[in-house]
C-alpha cells in the first residue's frame, strides 16, 4: 500500500510538471496516462474501487512507465518548457 501511495504522489508531481502539447506528443501521452493513473488511484484510496479498477490501475501504471520513461530524467528547465507548451493548447 505504501508503494501505491508513493506512486500516487509521484503521479501528481508528473501531472503538475507535464502538460499536453501539440509539439511533444510523448509528453502529452505521458500526462494523459498519469491522469488516468491518478483517477484509478483516487478511486482505490476512496475504498470505492472494484477488482476491475485495481487491474486497470496495474495496466495503467505499466503503460505510464513506458510512456514517461524518456521524460523521467529530463532537466527541470525542459520540463517547465513542456509545461508552458501544453498550457497553450
Protein backbone atom coordinates (compact mmCIF):
# COMPACT_ATOMS: atom_id res chain seq x y z
CA UNK A 1 0.00 0.00 0.00
CA UNK A 2 2.94 2.32 0.72
CA UNK A 3 4.18 1.83 -2.85
CA UNK A 4 0.80 2.75 -4.27
CA UNK A 5 0.65 5.84 -2.08
CA UNK A 6 4.14 6.87 -3.19
CA UNK A 7 3.24 6.30 -6.80
CA UNK A 8 0.09 8.38 -6.42
CA UNK A 9 2.14 11.33 -5.20
CA UNK A 10 4.68 10.78 -7.98
CA UNK A 11 1.84 10.85 -10.49
CA UNK A 12 0.55 14.11 -9.05
CA UNK A 13 4.06 15.51 -9.40
CA UNK A 14 4.25 14.43 -13.04
CA UNK A 15 0.85 15.91 -13.81
CA UNK A 16 1.89 19.21 -12.29
CA UNK A 17 5.07 19.39 -14.37
CA UNK A 18 3.99 17.88 -17.65
CA UNK A 19 1.17 19.09 -19.78
CA UNK A 20 -0.04 18.27 -23.23
CA UNK A 21 1.42 19.98 -26.27
CA UNK A 22 0.98 19.50 -29.98
CA UNK A 23 4.74 19.72 -30.42
CA UNK A 24 5.59 16.98 -27.96
CA UNK A 25 3.25 14.02 -28.25
CA UNK A 26 5.32 11.97 -25.82
CA UNK A 27 4.82 14.48 -23.01
CA UNK A 28 1.13 14.71 -23.87
CA UNK A 29 0.68 10.94 -23.81
CA UNK A 30 2.58 10.77 -20.54
CA UNK A 31 0.35 13.43 -18.99
CA UNK A 32 -2.84 11.76 -20.12
CA UNK A 33 -1.69 8.42 -18.78
CA UNK A 34 -0.63 9.97 -15.47
CA UNK A 35 -4.12 11.46 -15.16
CA UNK A 36 -5.64 8.02 -15.74
CA UNK A 37 -3.42 6.57 -13.04
CA UNK A 38 -4.48 9.36 -10.69
CA UNK A 39 -8.15 8.66 -11.35
CA UNK A 40 -7.79 4.97 -10.55
CA UNK A 41 -5.62 5.72 -7.52
CA UNK A 42 -8.17 8.19 -6.17
CA UNK A 43 -10.93 5.66 -6.57
CA UNK A 44 -8.89 2.98 -4.81
CA UNK A 45 -7.96 5.31 -1.95
CA UNK A 46 -11.62 6.23 -1.51
CA UNK A 47 -12.32 2.49 -1.00
CA UNK A 48 -14.89 2.52 -3.80
CA UNK A 49 -12.81 0.50 -6.25
CA UNK A 50 -13.73 -2.80 -7.77
CA UNK A 51 -11.34 -5.58 -8.66
CA UNK A 52 -11.57 -4.32 -12.24
CA UNK A 53 -10.37 -0.87 -11.13
CA UNK A 54 -7.38 -2.46 -9.42
CA UNK A 55 -6.49 -4.40 -12.55
CA UNK A 56 -6.96 -1.28 -14.70
CA UNK A 57 -4.65 0.65 -12.39
CA UNK A 58 -1.99 -2.02 -12.79
CA UNK A 59 -2.26 -1.82 -16.59
CA UNK A 60 -2.26 1.99 -16.50
CA UNK A 61 0.89 2.01 -14.36
CA UNK A 62 2.71 -0.24 -16.81
CA UNK A 63 1.67 1.92 -19.75
CA UNK A 64 2.64 5.11 -17.90
CA UNK A 65 6.04 3.67 -17.07
CA UNK A 66 6.67 3.10 -20.78
CA UNK A 67 5.30 6.47 -21.92
CA UNK A 68 7.10 8.55 -19.30
CA UNK A 69 10.42 6.71 -19.34
CA UNK A 70 12.12 9.19 -21.67
CA UNK A 71 10.94 12.13 -19.58
CA UNK A 72 11.91 10.84 -16.14
CA UNK A 73 15.50 12.08 -16.33
CA UNK A 74 14.64 15.36 -18.05
CA UNK A 75 16.20 18.61 -16.94
CA UNK A 76 13.73 20.73 -14.90
CA UNK A 77 14.09 23.56 -17.42
CA UNK A 78 12.94 21.26 -20.21
CA UNK A 79 10.01 20.13 -18.09
CA UNK A 80 8.99 23.75 -17.50
CA UNK A 81 9.19 24.41 -21.24
CA UNK A 82 6.94 21.44 -21.95
CA UNK A 83 4.53 22.61 -19.29
CA UNK A 84 4.32 26.01 -20.96
CA UNK A 85 3.64 24.48 -24.37
CA UNK A 86 0.90 22.28 -23.01
CA UNK A 87 -0.81 25.15 -21.23
CA UNK A 88 -1.11 26.94 -24.56
CA UNK A 89 -3.16 24.13 -26.08
